[in-house]
Amino acid sequence: MVPKMSSKDPSVPAASRPDGEPSAETVPAQHGKTRLEPGLHVVSTPIGNLRDITLRALDTLAGADEILAEDTRVARKLLDAHGIRAKLSAYHDHNGAERRPDILAKLEDGATIALISDAGTPLVSDPGWKLVHEAVERGIRVIPVPGASALLAGLVTSGLPSDRFMFCGFLPAKSGQRKREAEALKPVEATLVFYEGGSRLAACLADLAETLGGGRRAAIARELTKFFEETRHGTLAELAAHYEQNGPPKGEIVILIGPPLEAAPDEADIDAALLKAMAEAPMKRAANDVAEAFGISKRDAYQRALALKDNG
């Protein structure tokens, strides 16, 4: 089966009507500048298309006393695109410990500070958790300003169950560690969501197929909201083979894997298939073929093949 793929040139999103009355922290002031509630405003920004930013996010960024950005150069492009002139400073993993005391002191004095990442929703595989955690511990108000998220954008385009999902972030770079983490996730009855880079995608998918079972449904979403947006659907085994043959894709990538297959294959059927395959091919190849056919892990199939050979 060939993996299915859909791609599109994203259209400009239409403006939407606000739901209900504006909240206290977004009531426009008399002089045109939004009056914000004091506290830490966690603001989502576009993941690609610059028009994927909410009116409330723009009001917040324009009205904040200070904007904390993962990379000020990236943030400046966004602010310039919307004509926003605001105090901008860097806050990231490398300077967070040094900067947090001063930021928290300002917040306790009643400042309005906005936190953004390079793209999407802060804290979702991005810096900011420690700052929010310490703000909550001190009783400082934390205000979410929701918006774009690669996690959710990938989920809704995947065609996989969305009523229950688990975001797992980035898997380890080393194969052994990656397999161990995947093994722990194997029984989770939910759609699994990972972030990954293009250079590691094929190897990552191969490890996931071996550990979780090559027959599980999956999708690869990349360049979401950008011109070359693409979502490719198939089984884990099919997608692993595709990216192994075609090389690493460009762009930021979301891996989505459906829940475990509903009915576990019958062990007698697996054993019969293994015995037949081993009569025609080397044991490792036979185990891999049977694993893919039954949607089980290659490791499990190989261990079963060894047992059959020893008992044979």
C-alpha atoms as a PDB file:
ATOM      1  CA  MET A   1       0.000   0.000   0.000  1.00  0.00           C
ATOM      2  CA  VAL A   2       1.370   3.416  -0.980  1.00  0.00           C
ATOM      3  CA  PRO A   3       1.126   6.126   1.697  1.00  0.00           C
ATOM      4  CA  LYS A   4      -1.532   8.703   0.910  1.00  0.00           C
ATOM      5  CA  MET A   5      -0.525  12.323   0.812  1.00  0.00           C
ATOM      6  CA  SER A   6      -2.419  15.575   0.698  1.00  0.00           C
ATOM      7  CA  SER A   7      -0.987  19.042   0.358  1.00  0.00           C
ATOM      8  CA  LYS A   8      -2.371  22.523  -0.091  1.00  0.00           C
ATOM      9  CA  ASP A   9      -1.467  26.134  -0.396  1.00  0.00           C
ATOM     10  CA  PRO A  10      -3.045  27.525   2.804  1.00  0.00           C
ATOM     11  CA  SER A  11      -5.587  30.263   2.220  1.00  0.00           C
ATOM     12  CA  VAL A  12      -5.684  33.415   4.291  1.00  0.00           C
ATOM     13  CA  PRO A  13      -7.919  32.732   7.288  1.00  0.00           C
ATOM     14  CA  ALA A  14     -11.070  34.824   7.518  1.00  0.00           C
ATOM     15  CA  ALA A  15     -11.634  37.042  10.528  1.00  0.00           C
ATOM     16  CA  SER A  16     -13.978  35.598  13.122  1.00  0.00           C
ATOM     17  CA  ARG A  17     -16.459  37.332  15.371  1.00  0.00           C
ATOM     18  CA  PRO A  18     -15.484  37.475  19.063  1.00  0.00           C
ATOM     19  CA  ASP A  19     -17.440  35.187  21.352  1.00  0.00           C
ATOM     20  CA  GLY A  20     -19.249  37.187  24.029  1.00  0.00           C
ATOM     21  CA  GLU A  21     -18.143  40.405  25.727  1.00  0.00           C
ATOM     22  CA  PRO A  22     -14.458  41.367  26.009  1.00  0.00           C
ATOM     23  CA  SER A  23     -12.850  40.376  29.292  1.00  0.00           C
ATOM     24  CA  ALA A  24     -11.437  42.911  31.722  1.00  0.00           C
ATOM     25  CA  GLU A  25      -7.871  42.473  30.524  1.00  0.00           C
ATOM     26  CA  THR A  26      -8.715  43.331  26.901  1.00  0.00           C
ATOM     27  CA  VAL A  27     -10.922  46.415  27.259  1.00  0.00           C
ATOM     28  CA  PRO A  28      -9.489  49.142  24.982  1.00  0.00           C
ATOM     29  CA  ALA A  29      -8.195  52.194  26.834  1.00  0.00           C
ATOM     30  CA  GLN A  30      -9.336  55.702  25.903  1.00  0.00           C
ATOM     31  CA  HIS A  31      -6.179  56.485  23.939  1.00  0.00           C
ATOM     32  CA  GLY A  32      -6.295  53.443  21.686  1.00  0.00           C
ATOM     33  CA  LYS A  33      -3.895  51.253  23.633  1.00  0.00           C
ATOM     34  CA  THR A  34      -5.251  48.086  25.176  1.00  0.00           C
ATOM     35  CA  ARG A  35      -5.382  48.145  28.967  1.00  0.00           C
ATOM     36  CA  LEU A  36      -3.991  44.807  30.121  1.00  0.00           C
ATOM     37  CA  GLU A  37      -4.413  43.038  33.427  1.00  0.00           C
ATOM     38  CA  PRO A  38      -1.112  42.890  35.338  1.00  0.00           C
ATOM     39  CA  GLY A  39       0.544  39.497  35.173  1.00  0.00           C
ATOM     40  CA  LEU A  40       2.332  37.106  32.869  1.00  0.00           C
ATOM     41  CA  HIS A  41       0.533  36.788  29.518  1.00  0.00           C
ATOM     42  CA  VAL A  42       1.490  33.581  27.670  1.00  0.00           C
ATOM     43  CA  VAL A  43       0.904  34.491  24.023  1.00  0.00           C
ATOM     44  CA  SER A  44       0.677  32.065  21.099  1.00  0.00           C
ATOM     45  CA  THR A  45       2.211  33.252  17.823  1.00  0.00           C
ATOM     46  CA  PRO A  46       2.000  31.905  14.216  1.00  0.00           C
ATOM     47  CA  ILE A  47       3.793  28.676  13.291  1.00  0.00           C
ATOM     48  CA  GLY A  48       4.271  29.823   9.703  1.00  0.00           C
ATOM     49  CA  ASN A  49       1.585  32.012   8.177  1.00  0.00           C
ATOM     50  CA  LEU A  50       1.960  35.436   9.817  1.00  0.00           C
ATOM     51  CA  ARG A  51      -1.783  36.029   9.552  1.00  0.00           C
ATOM     52  CA  ASP A  52      -2.417  33.202  12.018  1.00  0.00           C
ATOM     53  CA  ILE A  53      -2.333  35.538  14.989  1.00  0.00           C
ATOM     54  CA  THR A  54      -5.367  36.608  16.977  1.00  0.00           C
ATOM     55  CA  LEU A  55      -6.548  40.161  17.466  1.00  0.00           C
ATOM     56  CA  ARG A  56      -6.233  39.600  21.207  1.00  0.00           C
ATOM     57  CA  ALA A  57      -2.606  38.499  20.801  1.00  0.00           C
ATOM     58  CA  LEU A  58      -1.828  41.686  18.880  1.00  0.00           C
ATOM     59  CA  ASP A  59      -3.524  43.794  21.560  1.00  0.00           C
ATOM     60  CA  THR A  60      -1.529  42.018  24.251  1.00  0.00           C
ATOM     61  CA  LEU A  61       1.820  42.421  22.495  1.00  0.00           C
ATOM     62  CA  ALA A  62       1.130  46.094  21.775  1.00  0.00           C
ATOM     63  CA  GLY A  63       0.062  46.820  25.340  1.00  0.00           C
ATOM     64  CA  ALA A  64       2.617  44.840  27.347  1.00  0.00           C
ATOM     65  CA  ASP A  65       5.283  46.607  29.394  1.00  0.00           C
ATOM     66  CA  GLU A  66       7.787  44.059  28.092  1.00  0.00           C
ATOM     67  CA  ILE A  67       7.826  41.101  25.710  1.00  0.00           C
ATOM     68  CA  LEU A  68       9.989  38.086  26.529  1.00  0.00           C
ATOM     69  CA  ALA A  69      11.046  36.295  23.353  1.00  0.00           C
ATOM     70  CA  GLU A  70      12.935  33.074  22.695  1.00  0.00           C
ATOM     71  CA  ASP A  71      14.823  34.824  19.862  1.00  0.00           C
ATOM     72  CA  THR A  72      14.432  38.599  19.610  1.00  0.00           C
ATOM     73  CA  ARG A  73      15.329  38.574  15.902  1.00  0.00           C
ATOM     74  CA  VAL A  74      12.448  36.228  15.105  1.00  0.00           C
ATOM     75  CA  ALA A  75      10.105  38.167  17.373  1.00  0.00           C
ATOM     76  CA  ARG A  76      11.076  41.496  15.796  1.00  0.00           C
ATOM     77  CA  LYS A  77       9.990  40.251  12.358  1.00  0.00           C
ATOM     78  CA  LEU A  78       6.553  39.392  13.744  1.00  0.00           C
ATOM     79  CA  LEU A  79       6.185  42.685  15.581  1.00  0.00           C
ATOM     80  CA  ASP A  80       7.373  44.705  12.561  1.00  0.00           C
ATOM     81  CA  ALA A  81       4.871  42.896  10.338  1.00  0.00           C
ATOM     82  CA  HIS A  82       2.074  44.209  12.559  1.00  0.00           C
ATOM     83  CA  GLY A  83       3.536  47.627  13.321  1.00  0.00           C
ATOM     84  CA  ILE A  84       4.119  46.913  17.012  1.00  0.00           C
ATOM     85  CA  ARG A  85       6.806  48.837  18.865  1.00  0.00           C
ATOM     86  CA  ALA A  86       7.329  47.332  22.288  1.00  0.00           C
ATOM     87  CA  LYS A  87      10.181  46.645  24.678  1.00  0.00           C
ATOM     88  CA  LEU A  88      11.650  43.300  23.662  1.00  0.00           C
ATOM     89  CA  SER A  89      14.135  41.152  25.588  1.00  0.00           C
ATOM     90  CA  ALA A  90      15.479  37.608  25.307  1.00  0.00           C
ATOM     91  CA  TYR A  91      14.282  34.799  27.547  1.00  0.00           C
ATOM     92  CA  HIS A  92      15.387  31.271  26.701  1.00  0.00           C
ATOM     93  CA  ASP A  93      16.850  28.107  28.202  1.00  0.00           C
ATOM     94  CA  HIS A  94      20.374  29.521  28.405  1.00  0.00           C
ATOM     95  CA  ASN A  95      19.590  32.740  30.304  1.00  0.00           C
ATOM     96  CA  GLY A  96      16.391  31.733  32.097  1.00  0.00           C
ATOM     97  CA  ALA A  97      17.935  31.043  35.511  1.00  0.00           C
ATOM     98  CA  GLU A  98      19.684  34.421  35.464  1.00  0.00           C
ATOM     99  CA  ARG A  99      16.670  36.399  34.246  1.00  0.00           C
ATOM    100  CA  ARG A 100      13.806  34.849  36.242  1.00  0.00           C
ATOM    101  CA  PRO A 101      14.385  36.677  39.569  1.00  0.00           C
ATOM    102  CA  ASP A 102      14.214  40.108  37.902  1.00  0.00           C
ATOM    103  CA  ILE A 103      11.187  39.158  35.783  1.00  0.00           C
ATOM    104  CA  LEU A 104       9.309  37.772  38.789  1.00  0.00           C
ATOM    105  CA  ALA A 105      10.123  40.910  40.810  1.00  0.00           C
ATOM    106  CA  LYS A 106       8.639  43.090  38.054  1.00  0.00           C
ATOM    107  CA  LEU A 107       5.530  40.938  37.947  1.00  0.00           C
ATOM    108  CA  GLU A 108       5.106  41.181  41.720  1.00  0.00           C
ATOM    109  CA  ASP A 109       5.325  44.977  41.351  1.00  0.00           C
ATOM    110  CA  GLY A 110       2.359  44.913  38.965  1.00  0.00           C
ATOM    111  CA  ALA A 111       4.035  44.771  35.547  1.00  0.00           C
ATOM    112  CA  THR A 112       2.351  43.369  32.458  1.00  0.00           C
ATOM    113  CA  ILE A 113       4.746  40.999  30.707  1.00  0.00           C
ATOM    114  CA  ALA A 114       4.089  38.895  27.590  1.00  0.00           C
ATOM    115  CA  LEU A 115       5.921  35.628  26.942  1.00  0.00           C
ATOM    116  CA  ILE A 116       6.267  34.320  23.370  1.00  0.00           C
ATOM    117  CA  SER A 117       8.319  31.599  21.674  1.00  0.00           C
ATOM    118  CA  ASP A 118       9.675  31.556  18.122  1.00  0.00           C
ATOM    119  CA  ALA A 119       6.475  29.904  16.877  1.00  0.00           C
ATOM    120  CA  GLY A 120       3.291  28.456  18.293  1.00  0.00           C
ATOM    121  CA  THR A 121       2.258  28.133  21.916  1.00  0.00           C
ATOM    122  CA  PRO A 122       4.967  28.760  24.546  1.00  0.00           C
ATOM    123  CA  LEU A 123       5.863  25.891  26.912  1.00  0.00           C
ATOM    124  CA  VAL A 124       4.884  23.240  24.297  1.00  0.00           C
ATOM    125  CA  SER A 125       8.424  21.939  23.613  1.00  0.00           C
ATOM    126  CA  ASP A 126       9.526  25.571  24.041  1.00  0.00           C
ATOM    127  CA  PRO A 127      11.024  27.605  26.915  1.00  0.00           C
ATOM    128  CA  GLY A 128       8.840  29.062  29.645  1.00  0.00           C
ATOM    129  CA  TRP A 129       7.688  26.297  31.966  1.00  0.00           C
ATOM    130  CA  LYS A 130       9.993  27.236  34.850  1.00  0.00           C
ATOM    131  CA  LEU A 131       8.953  30.886  34.637  1.00  0.00           C
ATOM    132  CA  VAL A 132       5.246  30.037  34.670  1.00  0.00           C
ATOM    133  CA  HIS A 133       5.764  27.509  37.477  1.00  0.00           C
ATOM    134  CA  GLU A 134       7.539  30.039  39.684  1.00  0.00           C
ATOM    135  CA  ALA A 135       4.966  32.717  38.870  1.00  0.00           C
ATOM    136  CA  VAL A 136       2.168  30.390  39.974  1.00  0.00           C
ATOM    137  CA  GLU A 137       4.100  29.501  43.140  1.00  0.00           C
ATOM    138  CA  ARG A 138       4.294  33.215  44.002  1.00  0.00           C
ATOM    139  CA  GLY A 139       0.608  33.811  43.339  1.00  0.00           C
ATOM    140  CA  ILE A 140       1.248  35.884  40.207  1.00  0.00           C
ATOM    141  CA  ARG A 141      -1.578  35.898  37.682  1.00  0.00           C
ATOM    142  CA  VAL A 142      -0.834  33.879  34.512  1.00  0.00           C
ATOM    143  CA  ILE A 143      -3.087  34.697  31.556  1.00  0.00           C
ATOM    144  CA  PRO A 144      -3.216  32.407  28.489  1.00  0.00           C
ATOM    145  CA  VAL A 145      -3.659  34.011  25.076  1.00  0.00           C
ATOM    146  CA  PRO A 146      -4.343  30.947  22.889  1.00  0.00           C
ATOM    147  CA  GLY A 147      -3.626  30.561  19.209  1.00  0.00           C
ATOM    148  CA  ALA A 148      -1.565  28.535  16.747  1.00  0.00           C
ATOM    149  CA  SER A 149      -0.067  25.178  17.738  1.00  0.00           C
ATOM    150  CA  ALA A 150       1.691  22.669  15.473  1.00  0.00           C
ATOM    151  CA  LEU A 151       0.489  19.896  17.792  1.00  0.00           C
ATOM    152  CA  LEU A 152      -3.192  20.695  17.228  1.00  0.00           C
ATOM    153  CA  ALA A 153      -2.783  21.618  13.556  1.00  0.00           C
ATOM    154  CA  GLY A 154      -1.165  18.248  12.900  1.00  0.00           C
ATOM    155  CA  LEU A 155      -3.819  16.394  14.885  1.00  0.00           C
ATOM    156  CA  VAL A 156      -6.766  17.792  12.957  1.00  0.00           C
ATOM    157  CA  THR A 157      -5.187  17.025   9.571  1.00  0.00           C
ATOM    158  CA  SER A 158      -4.028  13.509  10.489  1.00  0.00           C
ATOM    159  CA  GLY A 159      -7.356  11.704  10.236  1.00  0.00           C
ATOM    160  CA  LEU A 160      -6.466   9.845  13.450  1.00  0.00           C
ATOM    161  CA  PRO A 161      -8.653   9.736  16.592  1.00  0.00           C
ATOM    162  CA  SER A 162      -8.636  13.133  18.292  1.00  0.00           C
ATOM    163  CA  ASP A 163     -10.881  12.444  21.284  1.00  0.00           C
ATOM    164  CA  ARG A 164      -7.858  11.240  23.239  1.00  0.00           C
ATOM    165  CA  PHE A 165      -4.258  12.103  22.406  1.00  0.00           C
ATOM    166  CA  MET A 166      -0.903  12.309  24.154  1.00  0.00           C
ATOM    167  CA  PHE A 167       1.791  14.839  23.281  1.00  0.00           C
ATOM    168  CA  CYS A 168       5.226  13.273  23.754  1.00  0.00           C
ATOM    169  CA  GLY A 169       7.531  16.056  22.516  1.00  0.00           C
ATOM    170  CA  PHE A 170      10.854  15.044  20.954  1.00  0.00           C
ATOM    171  CA  LEU A 171      12.099  11.475  21.254  1.00  0.00           C
ATOM    172  CA  PRO A 172      15.794  10.913  22.123  1.00  0.00           C
ATOM    173  CA  ALA A 173      18.320  11.164  19.292  1.00  0.00           C
ATOM    174  CA  LYS A 174      19.913   7.771  20.058  1.00  0.00           C
ATOM    175  CA  SER A 175      18.113   4.697  18.747  1.00  0.00           C
ATOM    176  CA  GLY A 176      18.344   2.635  21.937  1.00  0.00           C
ATOM    177  CA  GLN A 177      16.884   5.353  24.146  1.00  0.00           C
ATOM    178  CA  ARG A 178      14.244   6.117  21.538  1.00  0.00           C
ATOM    179  CA  LYS A 179      13.085   2.499  21.464  1.00  0.00           C
ATOM    180  CA  ARG A 180      12.909   2.330  25.258  1.00  0.00           C
ATOM    181  CA  GLU A 181      10.687   5.411  25.408  1.00  0.00           C
ATOM    182  CA  ALA A 182       8.504   4.101  22.589  1.00  0.00           C
ATOM    183  CA  GLU A 183       8.151   0.741  24.352  1.00  0.00           C
ATOM    184  CA  ALA A 184       6.729   2.510  27.405  1.00  0.00           C
ATOM    185  CA  LEU A 185       4.165   4.257  25.184  1.00  0.00           C
ATOM    186  CA  LYS A 186       3.116   1.099  23.349  1.00  0.00           C
ATOM    187  CA  PRO A 187      -0.013   0.327  25.412  1.00  0.00           C
ATOM    188  CA  VAL A 188      -1.314   3.931  25.573  1.00  0.00           C
ATOM    189  CA  GLU A 189      -4.866   3.980  24.194  1.00  0.00           C
ATOM    190  CA  ALA A 190      -4.537   7.335  22.464  1.00  0.00           C
ATOM    191  CA  THR A 191      -3.111   9.028  19.405  1.00  0.00           C
ATOM    192  CA  LEU A 192       0.570   9.744  20.074  1.00  0.00           C
ATOM    193  CA  VAL A 193       2.073  13.028  18.871  1.00  0.00           C
ATOM    194  CA  PHE A 194       5.808  13.731  18.509  1.00  0.00           C
ATOM    195  CA  TYR A 195       7.947  16.536  17.102  1.00  0.00           C
ATOM    196  CA  GLU A 196      10.969  15.574  14.993  1.00  0.00           C
ATOM    197  CA  GLY A 197      13.583  17.011  12.658  1.00  0.00           C
ATOM    198  CA  GLY A 198      13.882  15.964   9.027  1.00  0.00           C
ATOM    199  CA  SER A 199      17.373  14.494   9.305  1.00  0.00           C
ATOM    200  CA  ARG A 200      16.251  11.964  11.948  1.00  0.00           C
ATOM    201  CA  LEU A 201      12.768  11.220  10.611  1.00  0.00           C
ATOM    202  CA  ALA A 202      13.466   7.978   8.709  1.00  0.00           C
ATOM    203  CA  ALA A 203      15.457   6.426  11.564  1.00  0.00           C
ATOM    204  CA  CYS A 204      12.865   7.536  14.098  1.00  0.00           C
ATOM    205  CA  LEU A 205       9.998   6.027  12.087  1.00  0.00           C
ATOM    206  CA  ALA A 206      11.913   2.768  11.646  1.00  0.00           C
ATOM    207  CA  ASP A 207      12.395   2.506  15.427  1.00  0.00           C
ATOM    208  CA  LEU A 208       8.746   3.347  16.077  1.00  0.00           C
ATOM    209  CA  ALA A 209       7.580   0.753  13.539  1.00  0.00           C
ATOM    210  CA  GLU A 210       9.808  -1.892  15.133  1.00  0.00           C
ATOM    211  CA  THR A 211       8.671  -1.059  18.648  1.00  0.00           C
ATOM    212  CA  LEU A 212       4.992  -0.145  18.249  1.00  0.00           C
ATOM    213  CA  GLY A 213       4.220  -2.339  15.260  1.00  0.00           C
ATOM    214  CA  GLY A 214       4.490  -1.448  11.584  1.00  0.00           C
ATOM    215  CA  GLY A 215       0.747  -1.822  11.019  1.00  0.00           C
ATOM    216  CA  ARG A 216      -0.307   1.103  13.197  1.00  0.00           C
ATOM    217  CA  ARG A 217      -1.870   3.991  11.284  1.00  0.00           C
ATOM    218  CA  ALA A 218       0.165   7.167  11.249  1.00  0.00           C
ATOM    219  CA  ALA A 219       0.600  10.558   9.611  1.00  0.00           C
ATOM    220  CA  ILE A 220       3.506  12.918   8.992  1.00  0.00           C
ATOM    221  CA  ALA A 221       2.599  16.617   8.909  1.00  0.00           C
ATOM    222  CA  ARG A 222       5.240  19.149   7.904  1.00  0.00           C
ATOM    223  CA  GLU A 223       5.524  22.831   7.024  1.00  0.00           C
ATOM    224  CA  LEU A 224       2.097  23.396   8.600  1.00  0.00           C
ATOM    225  CA  THR A 225       0.401  26.678   7.532  1.00  0.00           C
ATOM    226  CA  LYS A 226       3.258  27.364   5.088  1.00  0.00           C
ATOM    227  CA  PHE A 227       3.291  27.284   1.281  1.00  0.00           C
ATOM    228  CA  PHE A 228       4.606  23.701   1.033  1.00  0.00           C
ATOM    229  CA  GLU A 229       2.330  22.296   3.739  1.00  0.00           C
ATOM    230  CA  GLU A 230       2.008  18.529   3.423  1.00  0.00           C
ATOM    231  CA  THR A 231       0.412  15.661   5.331  1.00  0.00           C
ATOM    232  CA  ARG A 232       1.283  12.097   4.368  1.00  0.00           C
ATOM    233  CA  HIS A 233      -0.807   9.172   5.656  1.00  0.00           C
ATOM    234  CA  GLY A 234      -0.050   5.451   5.896  1.00  0.00           C
ATOM    235  CA  THR A 235       1.105   2.755   8.278  1.00  0.00           C
ATOM    236  CA  LEU A 236       4.265   3.245  10.288  1.00  0.00           C
ATOM    237  CA  ALA A 237       6.035   0.683   8.120  1.00  0.00           C
ATOM    238  CA  GLU A 238       4.946   2.416   4.894  1.00  0.00           C
ATOM    239  CA  LEU A 239       5.976   5.848   6.102  1.00  0.00           C
ATOM    240  CA  ALA A 240       9.331   4.582   7.380  1.00  0.00           C
ATOM    241  CA  ALA A 241      10.014   2.999   3.981  1.00  0.00           C
ATOM    242  CA  HIS A 242       8.973   6.153   2.115  1.00  0.00           C
ATOM    243  CA  TYR A 243      11.334   8.471   3.986  1.00  0.00           C
ATOM    244  CA  GLU A 244      14.150   5.913   3.874  1.00  0.00           C
ATOM    245  CA  GLN A 245      13.838   5.804   0.074  1.00  0.00           C
ATOM    246  CA  ASN A 246      13.205   9.501  -0.550  1.00  0.00           C
ATOM    247  CA  GLY A 247      15.565  11.094   1.941  1.00  0.00           C
ATOM    248  CA  PRO A 248      14.928  13.605   4.728  1.00  0.00           C
ATOM    249  CA  PRO A 249      12.142  16.131   4.131  1.00  0.00           C
ATOM    250  CA  LYS A 250      12.553  19.844   4.769  1.00  0.00           C
ATOM    251  CA  GLY A 251      10.743  21.804   7.425  1.00  0.00           C
ATOM    252  CA  GLU A 252       9.394  21.223  10.903  1.00  0.00           C
ATOM    253  CA  ILE A 253       7.674  17.887  11.372  1.00  0.00           C
ATOM    254  CA  VAL A 254       4.868  16.436  13.489  1.00  0.00           C
ATOM    255  CA  ILE A 255       4.597  12.636  13.775  1.00  0.00           C
ATOM    256  CA  LEU A 256       1.159  11.296  14.686  1.00  0.00           C
ATOM    257  CA  ILE A 257       0.501   7.626  15.474  1.00  0.00           C
ATOM    258  CA  GLY A 258      -2.921   6.104  15.977  1.00  0.00           C
ATOM    259  CA  PRO A 259      -3.890   4.034  19.030  1.00  0.00           C
ATOM    260  CA  PRO A 260      -2.949   0.344  19.237  1.00  0.00           C
ATOM    261  CA  LEU A 261      -4.792  -1.928  16.834  1.00  0.00           C
ATOM    262  CA  GLU A 262      -8.119  -2.947  18.351  1.00  0.00           C
ATOM    263  CA  ALA A 263      -7.772  -6.725  18.071  1.00  0.00           C
ATOM    264  CA  ALA A 264      -4.492  -8.434  18.841  1.00  0.00           C
ATOM    265  CA  PRO A 265      -3.569 -11.020  16.184  1.00  0.00           C
ATOM    266  CA  ASP A 266      -4.030 -14.661  17.098  1.00  0.00           C
ATOM    267  CA  GLU A 267      -0.764 -16.228  18.312  1.00  0.00           C
ATOM    268  CA  ALA A 268      -1.438 -19.463  16.445  1.00  0.00           C
ATOM    269  CA  ASP A 269      -1.804 -17.525  13.188  1.00  0.00           C
ATOM    270  CA  ILE A 270       1.468 -15.679  13.867  1.00  0.00           C
ATOM    271  CA  ASP A 271       3.295 -18.932  14.614  1.00  0.00           C
ATOM    272  CA  ALA A 272       1.959 -20.538  11.437  1.00  0.00           C
ATOM    273  CA  ALA A 273       3.033 -17.527   9.380  1.00  0.00           C
ATOM    274  CA  LEU A 274       6.488 -17.527  10.974  1.00  0.00           C
ATOM    275  CA  LEU A 275       7.036 -21.227  10.301  1.00  0.00           C
ATOM    276  CA  LYS A 276       6.017 -20.798   6.681  1.00  0.00           C
ATOM    277  CA  ALA A 277       8.181 -17.681   6.228  1.00  0.00           C
ATOM    278  CA  MET A 278      11.233 -19.295   7.875  1.00  0.00           C
ATOM    279  CA  ALA A 279      10.984 -22.215   5.474  1.00  0.00           C
ATOM    280  CA  GLU A 280      11.473 -19.769   2.605  1.00  0.00           C
ATOM    281  CA  ALA A 281      13.767 -17.051   4.016  1.00  0.00           C
ATOM    282  CA  PRO A 282      16.340 -16.378   6.764  1.00  0.00           C
ATOM    283  CA  MET A 283      14.834 -16.044  10.231  1.00  0.00           C
ATOM    284  CA  LYS A 284      15.377 -12.284  10.646  1.00  0.00           C
ATOM    285  CA  ARG A 285      13.835 -11.478   7.272  1.00  0.00           C
ATOM    286  CA  ALA A 286      10.964 -13.894   7.940  1.00  0.00           C
ATOM    287  CA  ALA A 287      10.284 -12.259  11.320  1.00  0.00           C
ATOM    288  CA  ASN A 288      10.329  -8.767   9.791  1.00  0.00           C
ATOM    289  CA  ASP A 289       7.883  -9.798   7.047  1.00  0.00           C
ATOM    290  CA  VAL A 290       5.490 -11.388   9.529  1.00  0.00           C
ATOM    291  CA  ALA A 291       5.758  -8.399  11.903  1.00  0.00           C
ATOM    292  CA  GLU A 292       4.739  -6.034   9.130  1.00  0.00           C
ATOM    293  CA  ALA A 293       1.915  -8.288   7.973  1.00  0.00           C
ATOM    294  CA  PHE A 294       0.405  -8.634  11.464  1.00  0.00           C
ATOM    295  CA  GLY A 295       1.163  -5.123  12.727  1.00  0.00           C
ATOM    296  CA  ILE A 296       3.362  -6.314  15.586  1.00  0.00           C
ATOM    297  CA  SER A 297       6.851  -5.226  16.579  1.00  0.00           C
ATOM    298  CA  LYS A 298       9.820  -6.768  14.798  1.00  0.00           C
ATOM    299  CA  ARG A 299      11.376  -7.510  18.167  1.00  0.00           C
ATOM    300  CA  ASP A 300       8.352  -9.536  19.311  1.00  0.00           C
ATOM    301  CA  ALA A 301       8.223 -11.430  16.008  1.00  0.00           C
ATOM    302  CA  TYR A 302      11.932 -12.242  16.159  1.00  0.00           C
ATOM    303  CA  GLN A 303      11.722 -13.492  19.742  1.00  0.00           C
ATOM    304  CA  ARG A 304       8.782 -15.695  18.771  1.00  0.00           C
ATOM    305  CA  ALA A 305      10.712 -17.022  15.780  1.00  0.00           C
ATOM    306  CA  LEU A 306      13.652 -17.911  18.034  1.00  0.00           C
ATOM    307  CA  ALA A 307      11.324 -19.789  20.363  1.00  0.00           C
ATOM    308  CA  LEU A 308       9.810 -21.721  17.470  1.00  0.00           C
ATOM    309  CA  LYS A 309      13.267 -22.603  16.146  1.00  0.00           C
ATOM    310  CA  ASP A 310      14.437 -23.808  19.578  1.00  0.00           C
ATOM    311  CA  ASN A 311      11.304 -25.929  19.982  1.00  0.00           C
ATOM    312  CA  GLY A 312      11.483 -27.144  16.426  1.00  0.00           C
END
